[in-house]
Each structure stands twice: as C-alpha cells, then as structure tokens.
Amino acid sequence: MEAAAGELALAEVRPNDEVFDVPADLAVLPPEFAELWGPSAAYIWGHNQTRDYPSAAALLRQTSAATGTDPEYIVAIDPRVVAAILELTGPVTAAGVTIDAASAEDYLTRGIYRQFPEGGAKDTAASELMAA
C-alpha cells in the first residue's frame, strides 16, 4: 500500500489466525517468564498476556516464522496510550469505525472483536485504525 505524503504506510497485514495453534518455544526466555505466565503464553493468543513487550515480540517472531515469513517489525500498541494520543489529536476514522479518547480503550479491547470476529479482518481493521 502506498502512502500519501505525511501518512504512515501499512505493511502487509498477516492475520494472527495463520499461527493460532503454533506454539513458540518458551525456553528462549528466562524461566521466570514461563513460571509467571504459564504454557498459554507460548501461543499467539497468549503472547499479549504480558506487557513485557520484548518477550512477547520474541515469541511472536517465532510463531510468525511458522508462516514462512520473517517480520520486519512487530508493533504492540497499548489501548490506553492510544486513548491518550487521541485526547491530543482528536478522533480518527478507519475501517468504517471512528474512535476517540473516550471510546478507544473499550473498542480496541472488546468492540473490535465483536465487530470483526474473523481474525484477519480484525487485524486489518486494527492496523488501519493505528495508521489513522
């Protein structure tokens, strides 16, 4: 996707569904990580249990490799930070959705899953909102 001047270009969005049942090797992280978060942290649906973003990114890189891709970067965005940014910038609209400071956290943690139950569509919508 080509971005206009001053806009963020979106990379190809690869849906989480492609690696949903592929476990990462928790042994690449300190043993305390697995002890704290348990075996579910090995799966993509459990990577975001923690706000230990470097560890989550290491696990996500492993599960992404299962699709035959090597991501150039991995982005994690905290919904509360998004809300704080929108407090300054005002609302954004993308993927047919408008979020503002008051609605961002609830939408990004709950609403987006109801609106886009299929993982690929949710991932694309989230990426478009973050780019906006």
N, C-alpha and C. Protein backbone atom coordinates (compact mmCIF):
# COMPACT_ATOMS: atom_id res chain seq x y z
N MET A 1 0.85 -1.16 0.00
CA MET A 1 0.00 0.00 0.00
C MET A 1 0.90 1.23 0.00
N GLU A 2 0.67 2.14 -0.91
CA GLU A 2 1.47 3.35 -0.99
C GLU A 2 0.79 4.46 -0.19
N ALA A 3 1.60 5.14 0.63
CA ALA A 3 1.05 6.20 1.48
C ALA A 3 1.26 7.55 0.84
N ALA A 4 0.30 8.44 1.07
CA ALA A 4 0.43 9.82 0.63
C ALA A 4 1.45 10.51 1.53
N ALA A 5 1.94 11.65 1.09
CA ALA A 5 2.91 12.40 1.87
C ALA A 5 2.40 12.62 3.29
N GLY A 6 3.24 12.31 4.26
CA GLY A 6 2.89 12.52 5.65
C GLY A 6 2.05 11.42 6.28
N GLU A 7 1.73 10.37 5.54
CA GLU A 7 0.93 9.27 6.08
C GLU A 7 1.81 8.06 6.32
N LEU A 8 1.40 7.25 7.26
CA LEU A 8 2.09 6.01 7.57
C LEU A 8 1.70 4.95 6.55
N ALA A 9 2.69 4.30 5.96
CA ALA A 9 2.41 3.21 5.02
C ALA A 9 2.21 1.93 5.82
N LEU A 10 1.14 1.21 5.54
CA LEU A 10 0.88 -0.06 6.22
C LEU A 10 1.65 -1.17 5.53
N ALA A 11 2.29 -1.99 6.33
CA ALA A 11 2.91 -3.18 5.80
C ALA A 11 1.81 -4.20 5.54
N GLU A 12 2.17 -5.27 4.88
CA GLU A 12 1.19 -6.33 4.67
C GLU A 12 0.72 -6.83 6.04
N VAL A 13 -0.56 -6.93 6.22
CA VAL A 13 -1.11 -7.42 7.47
C VAL A 13 -1.27 -8.92 7.35
N ARG A 14 -0.62 -9.64 8.24
CA ARG A 14 -0.74 -11.10 8.26
C ARG A 14 -1.63 -11.46 9.43
N PRO A 15 -2.76 -12.09 9.22
CA PRO A 15 -3.68 -12.38 10.32
C PRO A 15 -3.08 -13.34 11.33
N ASN A 16 -3.40 -13.11 12.59
CA ASN A 16 -2.96 -13.98 13.67
C ASN A 16 -3.43 -15.41 13.46
N ASP A 17 -4.55 -15.59 12.75
CA ASP A 17 -5.11 -16.92 12.56
C ASP A 17 -4.13 -17.89 11.92
N GLU A 18 -3.18 -17.38 11.12
CA GLU A 18 -2.24 -18.25 10.43
C GLU A 18 -1.36 -19.03 11.39
N VAL A 19 -1.16 -18.53 12.58
CA VAL A 19 -0.27 -19.18 13.53
C VAL A 19 -0.97 -19.45 14.86
N PHE A 20 -2.29 -19.48 14.86
CA PHE A 20 -3.07 -19.58 16.09
C PHE A 20 -2.68 -20.79 16.94
N ASP A 21 -2.47 -21.94 16.34
CA ASP A 21 -2.19 -23.16 17.10
C ASP A 21 -0.73 -23.57 17.08
N VAL A 22 0.17 -22.66 16.70
CA VAL A 22 1.59 -22.96 16.65
C VAL A 22 2.26 -22.41 17.90
N PRO A 23 2.79 -23.29 18.77
CA PRO A 23 3.42 -22.78 19.99
C PRO A 23 4.84 -22.27 19.73
N ALA A 24 5.20 -21.22 20.43
CA ALA A 24 6.58 -20.74 20.44
C ALA A 24 7.32 -21.50 21.53
N ASP A 25 8.62 -21.44 21.50
CA ASP A 25 9.45 -22.12 22.49
C ASP A 25 9.72 -21.18 23.65
N LEU A 26 9.04 -21.38 24.76
CA LEU A 26 9.21 -20.51 25.92
C LEU A 26 10.61 -20.61 26.51
N ALA A 27 11.36 -21.64 26.15
CA ALA A 27 12.71 -21.81 26.68
C ALA A 27 13.68 -20.73 26.19
N VAL A 28 13.28 -19.96 25.17
CA VAL A 28 14.16 -18.88 24.70
C VAL A 28 14.13 -17.68 25.66
N LEU A 29 13.20 -17.70 26.59
CA LEU A 29 13.06 -16.61 27.56
C LEU A 29 13.51 -17.10 28.93
N PRO A 30 13.78 -16.18 29.84
CA PRO A 30 14.14 -16.61 31.20
C PRO A 30 13.04 -17.48 31.81
N PRO A 31 13.40 -18.48 32.62
CA PRO A 31 12.41 -19.39 33.19
C PRO A 31 11.31 -18.67 33.97
N GLU A 32 11.61 -17.52 34.53
CA GLU A 32 10.62 -16.77 35.29
C GLU A 32 9.42 -16.37 34.43
N PHE A 33 9.67 -16.15 33.14
CA PHE A 33 8.58 -15.76 32.24
C PHE A 33 7.54 -16.88 32.17
N ALA A 34 7.99 -18.09 31.87
CA ALA A 34 7.06 -19.22 31.76
C ALA A 34 6.41 -19.53 33.11
N GLU A 35 7.14 -19.37 34.18
CA GLU A 35 6.57 -19.62 35.50
C GLU A 35 5.44 -18.63 35.80
N LEU A 36 5.64 -17.39 35.42
CA LEU A 36 4.65 -16.36 35.69
C LEU A 36 3.43 -16.47 34.78
N TRP A 37 3.66 -16.66 33.49
CA TRP A 37 2.57 -16.59 32.52
C TRP A 37 2.02 -17.95 32.11
N GLY A 38 2.74 -19.02 32.38
CA GLY A 38 2.25 -20.36 32.09
C GLY A 38 2.38 -20.75 30.64
N PRO A 39 2.01 -21.99 30.31
CA PRO A 39 2.20 -22.51 28.96
C PRO A 39 1.38 -21.80 27.89
N SER A 40 0.27 -21.17 28.26
CA SER A 40 -0.54 -20.49 27.23
C SER A 40 0.21 -19.32 26.60
N ALA A 41 1.21 -18.80 27.28
CA ALA A 41 1.99 -17.69 26.70
C ALA A 41 2.74 -18.11 25.45
N ALA A 42 2.89 -19.41 25.22
CA ALA A 42 3.59 -19.89 24.03
C ALA A 42 2.77 -19.69 22.76
N TYR A 43 1.46 -19.50 22.91
CA TYR A 43 0.58 -19.38 21.75
C TYR A 43 0.26 -17.91 21.46
N ILE A 44 0.02 -17.61 20.20
CA ILE A 44 -0.20 -16.23 19.80
C ILE A 44 -1.34 -15.58 20.58
N TRP A 45 -2.35 -16.33 20.92
CA TRP A 45 -3.46 -15.78 21.69
C TRP A 45 -3.07 -15.50 23.12
N GLY A 46 -1.90 -15.98 23.56
CA GLY A 46 -1.43 -15.72 24.91
C GLY A 46 -0.23 -14.79 24.97
N HIS A 47 0.34 -14.45 23.81
CA HIS A 47 1.52 -13.57 23.81
C HIS A 47 1.23 -12.24 24.48
N ASN A 48 0.02 -11.75 24.33
CA ASN A 48 -0.30 -10.43 24.85
C ASN A 48 -0.79 -10.45 26.29
N GLN A 49 -0.61 -11.57 26.98
CA GLN A 49 -0.96 -11.60 28.40
C GLN A 49 -0.07 -10.65 29.20
N THR A 50 1.10 -10.44 28.71
CA THR A 50 2.09 -9.66 29.42
C THR A 50 2.34 -8.34 28.71
N ARG A 51 2.76 -7.35 29.46
CA ARG A 51 3.20 -6.11 28.83
C ARG A 51 4.72 -6.10 28.73
N ASP A 52 5.31 -7.27 28.86
CA ASP A 52 6.74 -7.45 28.64
C ASP A 52 6.92 -7.57 27.13
N TYR A 53 6.88 -6.42 26.47
CA TYR A 53 6.85 -6.40 25.00
C TYR A 53 8.05 -7.06 24.35
N PRO A 54 9.28 -6.91 24.86
CA PRO A 54 10.39 -7.61 24.22
C PRO A 54 10.21 -9.13 24.23
N SER A 55 9.70 -9.68 25.33
CA SER A 55 9.47 -11.12 25.38
C SER A 55 8.33 -11.53 24.45
N ALA A 56 7.25 -10.77 24.47
CA ALA A 56 6.13 -11.07 23.57
C ALA A 56 6.57 -11.00 22.11
N ALA A 57 7.41 -10.03 21.79
CA ALA A 57 7.90 -9.90 20.41
C ALA A 57 8.77 -11.09 20.02
N ALA A 58 9.60 -11.56 20.94
CA ALA A 58 10.44 -12.73 20.65
C ALA A 58 9.57 -13.95 20.36
N LEU A 59 8.51 -14.11 21.14
CA LEU A 59 7.59 -15.23 20.91
C LEU A 59 6.84 -15.06 19.60
N LEU A 60 6.40 -13.86 19.31
CA LEU A 60 5.67 -13.61 18.07
C LEU A 60 6.55 -13.83 16.85
N ARG A 61 7.82 -13.47 16.96
CA ARG A 61 8.74 -13.72 15.85
C ARG A 61 8.80 -15.21 15.55
N GLN A 62 8.82 -16.03 16.59
CA GLN A 62 8.84 -17.48 16.38
C GLN A 62 7.57 -17.97 15.69
N THR A 63 6.42 -17.54 16.18
CA THR A 63 5.18 -18.01 15.58
C THR A 63 5.00 -17.47 14.16
N SER A 64 5.50 -16.27 13.91
CA SER A 64 5.43 -15.72 12.55
C SER A 64 6.29 -16.53 11.60
N ALA A 65 7.41 -17.02 12.07
CA ALA A 65 8.29 -17.84 11.23
C ALA A 65 7.57 -19.11 10.76
N ALA A 66 6.58 -19.55 11.54
CA ALA A 66 5.82 -20.74 11.16
C ALA A 66 5.05 -20.52 9.86
N THR A 67 4.79 -19.27 9.49
CA THR A 67 4.07 -18.99 8.24
C THR A 67 5.04 -18.82 7.07
N GLY A 68 6.33 -18.95 7.37
CA GLY A 68 7.33 -18.76 6.32
C GLY A 68 7.68 -17.31 6.11
N THR A 69 7.34 -16.46 7.06
CA THR A 69 7.67 -15.04 6.97
C THR A 69 8.60 -14.65 8.10
N ASP A 70 9.35 -13.62 7.86
CA ASP A 70 10.21 -13.06 8.89
C ASP A 70 9.83 -11.59 8.98
N PRO A 71 9.00 -11.25 9.96
CA PRO A 71 8.51 -9.86 10.01
C PRO A 71 9.65 -8.87 10.16
N GLU A 72 9.52 -7.77 9.46
CA GLU A 72 10.50 -6.70 9.55
C GLU A 72 10.40 -6.02 10.91
N TYR A 73 9.20 -5.92 11.41
CA TYR A 73 8.99 -5.34 12.73
C TYR A 73 7.69 -5.88 13.31
N ILE A 74 7.60 -5.76 14.63
CA ILE A 74 6.41 -6.17 15.35
C ILE A 74 5.97 -4.97 16.17
N VAL A 75 4.71 -4.63 16.08
CA VAL A 75 4.20 -3.45 16.76
C VAL A 75 3.21 -3.87 17.84
N ALA A 76 3.39 -3.32 19.01
CA ALA A 76 2.43 -3.52 20.10
C ALA A 76 2.01 -2.14 20.56
N ILE A 77 0.71 -1.94 20.61
CA ILE A 77 0.19 -0.62 21.00
C ILE A 77 -0.79 -0.80 22.13
N ASP A 78 -0.53 -0.15 23.23
CA ASP A 78 -1.39 -0.22 24.40
C ASP A 78 -2.63 0.65 24.16
N PRO A 79 -3.83 0.10 24.36
CA PRO A 79 -5.05 0.88 24.12
C PRO A 79 -5.16 2.15 24.97
N ARG A 80 -4.59 2.13 26.17
CA ARG A 80 -4.61 3.34 27.00
C ARG A 80 -3.73 4.43 26.41
N VAL A 81 -2.63 4.02 25.79
CA VAL A 81 -1.77 5.00 25.13
C VAL A 81 -2.49 5.58 23.92
N VAL A 82 -3.19 4.73 23.17
CA VAL A 82 -3.98 5.21 22.03
C VAL A 82 -4.99 6.25 22.51
N ALA A 83 -5.68 5.96 23.61
CA ALA A 83 -6.67 6.90 24.14
C ALA A 83 -6.01 8.22 24.51
N ALA A 84 -4.83 8.16 25.12
CA ALA A 84 -4.12 9.39 25.49
C ALA A 84 -3.71 10.19 24.26
N ILE A 85 -3.27 9.50 23.22
CA ILE A 85 -2.89 10.19 21.98
C ILE A 85 -4.12 10.85 21.36
N LEU A 86 -5.24 10.13 21.35
CA LEU A 86 -6.46 10.68 20.77
C LEU A 86 -7.00 11.85 21.58
N GLU A 87 -6.65 11.91 22.84
CA GLU A 87 -7.01 13.07 23.66
C GLU A 87 -6.36 14.34 23.08
N LEU A 88 -5.18 14.17 22.52
CA LEU A 88 -4.45 15.30 21.93
C LEU A 88 -4.83 15.56 20.47
N THR A 89 -5.01 14.47 19.71
CA THR A 89 -5.21 14.62 18.28
C THR A 89 -6.67 14.75 17.86
N GLY A 90 -7.57 14.22 18.69
CA GLY A 90 -8.96 14.13 18.29
C GLY A 90 -9.23 12.77 17.69
N PRO A 91 -10.47 12.49 17.31
CA PRO A 91 -10.86 11.17 16.82
C PRO A 91 -10.24 10.83 15.47
N VAL A 92 -10.20 9.53 15.20
CA VAL A 92 -9.75 9.03 13.90
C VAL A 92 -10.80 8.08 13.37
N THR A 93 -10.87 7.98 12.06
CA THR A 93 -11.81 7.08 11.40
C THR A 93 -11.04 6.22 10.41
N ALA A 94 -11.29 4.92 10.48
CA ALA A 94 -10.72 3.97 9.52
C ALA A 94 -11.54 2.69 9.63
N ALA A 95 -11.53 1.92 8.58
CA ALA A 95 -12.24 0.64 8.55
C ALA A 95 -13.72 0.81 8.93
N GLY A 96 -14.29 1.96 8.62
CA GLY A 96 -15.69 2.21 8.93
C GLY A 96 -15.98 2.46 10.40
N VAL A 97 -14.94 2.76 11.17
CA VAL A 97 -15.06 2.95 12.62
C VAL A 97 -14.42 4.27 12.99
N THR A 98 -15.06 4.99 13.91
CA THR A 98 -14.45 6.19 14.48
C THR A 98 -14.21 5.93 15.95
N ILE A 99 -12.97 6.17 16.39
CA ILE A 99 -12.65 6.05 17.81
C ILE A 99 -12.13 7.39 18.30
N ASP A 100 -12.40 7.67 19.55
CA ASP A 100 -11.89 8.88 20.19
C ASP A 100 -11.30 8.50 21.53
N ALA A 101 -10.85 9.49 22.31
CA ALA A 101 -10.21 9.22 23.58
C ALA A 101 -11.12 8.44 24.53
N ALA A 102 -12.41 8.72 24.50
CA ALA A 102 -13.34 8.06 25.41
C ALA A 102 -13.67 6.62 24.99
N SER A 103 -13.61 6.33 23.71
CA SER A 103 -14.04 5.01 23.23
C SER A 103 -12.88 4.08 22.86
N ALA A 104 -11.67 4.58 22.73
CA ALA A 104 -10.56 3.80 22.18
C ALA A 104 -10.27 2.53 22.99
N GLU A 105 -10.12 2.68 24.29
CA GLU A 105 -9.73 1.52 25.09
C GLU A 105 -10.79 0.41 25.02
N ASP A 106 -12.05 0.75 25.20
CA ASP A 106 -13.10 -0.27 25.15
C ASP A 106 -13.20 -0.88 23.75
N TYR A 107 -13.12 -0.04 22.73
CA TYR A 107 -13.26 -0.57 21.37
C TYR A 107 -12.10 -1.51 21.02
N LEU A 108 -10.87 -1.09 21.35
CA LEU A 108 -9.71 -1.88 20.97
C LEU A 108 -9.54 -3.15 21.80
N THR A 109 -10.14 -3.21 22.98
CA THR A 109 -10.02 -4.42 23.79
C THR A 109 -11.27 -5.30 23.75
N ARG A 110 -12.41 -4.76 23.30
CA ARG A 110 -13.64 -5.55 23.28
C ARG A 110 -14.41 -5.41 21.96
N GLY A 111 -14.74 -4.19 21.63
CA GLY A 111 -15.61 -3.92 20.49
C GLY A 111 -15.09 -4.44 19.16
N ILE A 112 -13.81 -4.32 18.93
CA ILE A 112 -13.25 -4.74 17.64
C ILE A 112 -13.41 -6.25 17.46
N TYR A 113 -13.38 -7.00 18.56
CA TYR A 113 -13.56 -8.45 18.48
C TYR A 113 -15.00 -8.82 18.17
N ARG A 114 -15.94 -8.02 18.65
CA ARG A 114 -17.36 -8.26 18.32
C ARG A 114 -17.65 -7.88 16.87
N GLN A 115 -17.09 -6.74 16.44
CA GLN A 115 -17.38 -6.26 15.10
C GLN A 115 -16.69 -7.09 14.02
N PHE A 116 -15.48 -7.55 14.33
CA PHE A 116 -14.69 -8.33 13.36
C PHE A 116 -14.30 -9.66 13.98
N PRO A 117 -15.22 -10.63 14.06
CA PRO A 117 -14.91 -11.89 14.73
C PRO A 117 -13.85 -12.71 14.00
N GLU A 118 -13.69 -12.49 12.72
CA GLU A 118 -12.67 -13.21 11.96
C GLU A 118 -11.34 -12.48 12.16
N GLY A 119 -10.32 -13.23 12.56
CA GLY A 119 -9.03 -12.65 12.93
C GLY A 119 -8.39 -11.75 11.90
N GLY A 120 -8.39 -12.17 10.65
CA GLY A 120 -7.75 -11.37 9.60
C GLY A 120 -8.41 -10.02 9.43
N ALA A 121 -9.74 -9.99 9.47
CA ALA A 121 -10.46 -8.73 9.34
C ALA A 121 -10.19 -7.82 10.55
N LYS A 122 -10.12 -8.42 11.74
CA LYS A 122 -9.82 -7.65 12.95
C LYS A 122 -8.43 -7.06 12.88
N ASP A 123 -7.46 -7.86 12.46
CA ASP A 123 -6.09 -7.38 12.37
C ASP A 123 -5.96 -6.24 11.36
N THR A 124 -6.64 -6.37 10.23
CA THR A 124 -6.62 -5.33 9.22
C THR A 124 -7.27 -4.05 9.75
N ALA A 125 -8.42 -4.18 10.39
CA ALA A 125 -9.10 -3.00 10.96
C ALA A 125 -8.24 -2.32 12.01
N ALA A 126 -7.62 -3.10 12.90
CA ALA A 126 -6.75 -2.53 13.94
C ALA A 126 -5.57 -1.81 13.31
N SER A 127 -4.97 -2.40 12.29
CA SER A 127 -3.83 -1.76 11.61
C SER A 127 -4.23 -0.46 10.95
N GLU A 128 -5.41 -0.46 10.32
CA GLU A 128 -5.88 0.77 9.68
C GLU A 128 -6.16 1.87 10.70
N LEU A 129 -6.75 1.49 11.82
CA LEU A 129 -7.02 2.48 12.88
C LEU A 129 -5.71 3.05 13.43
N MET A 130 -4.71 2.19 13.64
CA MET A 130 -3.44 2.68 14.17
C MET A 130 -2.72 3.58 13.19
N ALA A 131 -2.83 3.25 11.91
CA ALA A 131 -2.23 4.12 10.89
C ALA A 131 -2.93 5.48 10.84
N ALA A 132 -4.25 5.46 11.02
CA ALA A 132 -5.00 6.71 11.01
C ALA A 132 -4.62 7.58 12.20
